[in-house]
Protein backbone atom coordinates (compact mmCIF):
# COMPACT_ATOMS: atom_id res chain seq x y z
CA UNK A 1 -153.32 -18.83 -133.24
CA UNK A 2 -155.62 -15.97 -132.39
CA UNK A 3 -153.77 -14.27 -129.58
CA UNK A 4 -151.31 -12.70 -129.85
CA UNK A 5 -151.70 -11.85 -133.50
CA UNK A 6 -148.82 -12.30 -135.91
CA UNK A 7 -148.93 -8.57 -136.68
CA UNK A 8 -148.40 -7.71 -133.01
CA UNK A 9 -145.51 -10.17 -132.83
CA UNK A 10 -143.88 -8.82 -136.01
CA UNK A 11 -143.73 -5.37 -134.38
CA UNK A 12 -141.50 -6.80 -131.65
CA UNK A 13 -139.38 -9.31 -133.62
CA UNK A 14 -138.19 -8.59 -137.17
CA UNK A 15 -138.39 -12.08 -138.70
CA UNK A 16 -140.59 -15.14 -138.31
CA UNK A 17 -137.53 -17.37 -137.98
CA UNK A 18 -136.22 -15.32 -135.04
CA UNK A 19 -139.68 -15.33 -133.48
CA UNK A 20 -140.01 -19.12 -133.70
CA UNK A 21 -136.50 -19.68 -132.38
CA UNK A 22 -136.97 -17.28 -129.46
CA UNK A 23 -140.40 -18.61 -128.50
CA UNK A 24 -139.32 -22.25 -128.67
CA UNK A 25 -136.27 -21.65 -126.47
CA UNK A 26 -138.36 -19.77 -123.92
CA UNK A 27 -141.09 -22.44 -123.97
CA UNK A 28 -138.48 -25.13 -123.31
CA UNK A 29 -137.08 -23.07 -120.41
CA UNK A 30 -140.55 -22.66 -118.87
CA UNK A 31 -141.21 -26.39 -119.23
CA UNK A 32 -137.95 -27.41 -117.57
CA UNK A 33 -137.86 -24.73 -114.85
CA UNK A 34 -141.10 -24.19 -112.96
CA UNK A 35 -142.18 -20.73 -111.74
CA UNK A 36 -140.26 -18.71 -114.33
CA UNK A 37 -143.29 -16.73 -115.47
CA UNK A 38 -142.58 -13.11 -116.39
CA UNK A 39 -146.14 -11.86 -116.81
CA UNK A 40 -148.77 -11.45 -114.10
CA UNK A 41 -151.48 -13.23 -116.10
CA UNK A 42 -151.45 -15.37 -119.26
CA UNK A 43 -154.30 -16.08 -121.69
CA UNK A 44 -152.73 -19.31 -122.93
CA UNK A 45 -152.07 -22.33 -120.76
CA UNK A 46 -149.46 -23.87 -123.10
CA UNK A 47 -145.80 -22.92 -122.89
CA UNK A 48 -145.44 -21.78 -126.51
CA UNK A 49 -148.50 -19.55 -126.19
CA UNK A 50 -147.12 -18.07 -122.97
CA UNK A 51 -143.78 -17.38 -124.65
CA UNK A 52 -145.52 -15.62 -127.54
CA UNK A 53 -147.52 -13.52 -125.08
CA UNK A 54 -144.25 -12.47 -123.45
CA UNK A 55 -142.93 -11.40 -126.86
CA UNK A 56 -146.08 -9.40 -127.60
CA UNK A 57 -145.85 -7.69 -124.20
CA UNK A 58 -142.23 -6.71 -124.87
CA UNK A 59 -140.94 -8.69 -121.90
CA UNK A 60 -139.12 -11.24 -124.04
CA UNK A 61 -136.78 -9.75 -126.63
CA UNK A 62 -134.08 -10.97 -128.97
CA UNK A 63 -130.54 -10.56 -127.67
CA UNK A 64 -128.12 -9.10 -130.19
CA UNK A 65 -125.04 -11.19 -130.84
CA UNK A 66 -121.67 -9.74 -129.92
CA UNK A 67 -119.60 -9.29 -133.08
CA UNK A 68 -116.34 -10.17 -131.30
CA UNK A 69 -117.55 -13.62 -130.21
CA UNK A 70 -115.91 -16.50 -132.07
CA UNK A 71 -117.58 -19.91 -131.92
CA UNK A 72 -115.82 -23.25 -132.30
CA UNK A 73 -117.44 -24.05 -135.63
CA UNK A 74 -116.18 -20.76 -137.13
CA UNK A 75 -112.50 -21.56 -136.55
């Protein structure tokens, strides 16, 4: 992967695991729902590359989890 560089992505997202998780979810969303592009122009034509470009541009960010939320598997 040449663009965007890993260094540019690490400035936006703190861990590689979070980056992979976020990009894969966004790529799946773009694949399933057409015309959900957030940038005017993309360098990559693949969904994962487009998602990573959105992260590098600061358009796609990680949502912080609400501390008061209780999930079923935590009960």
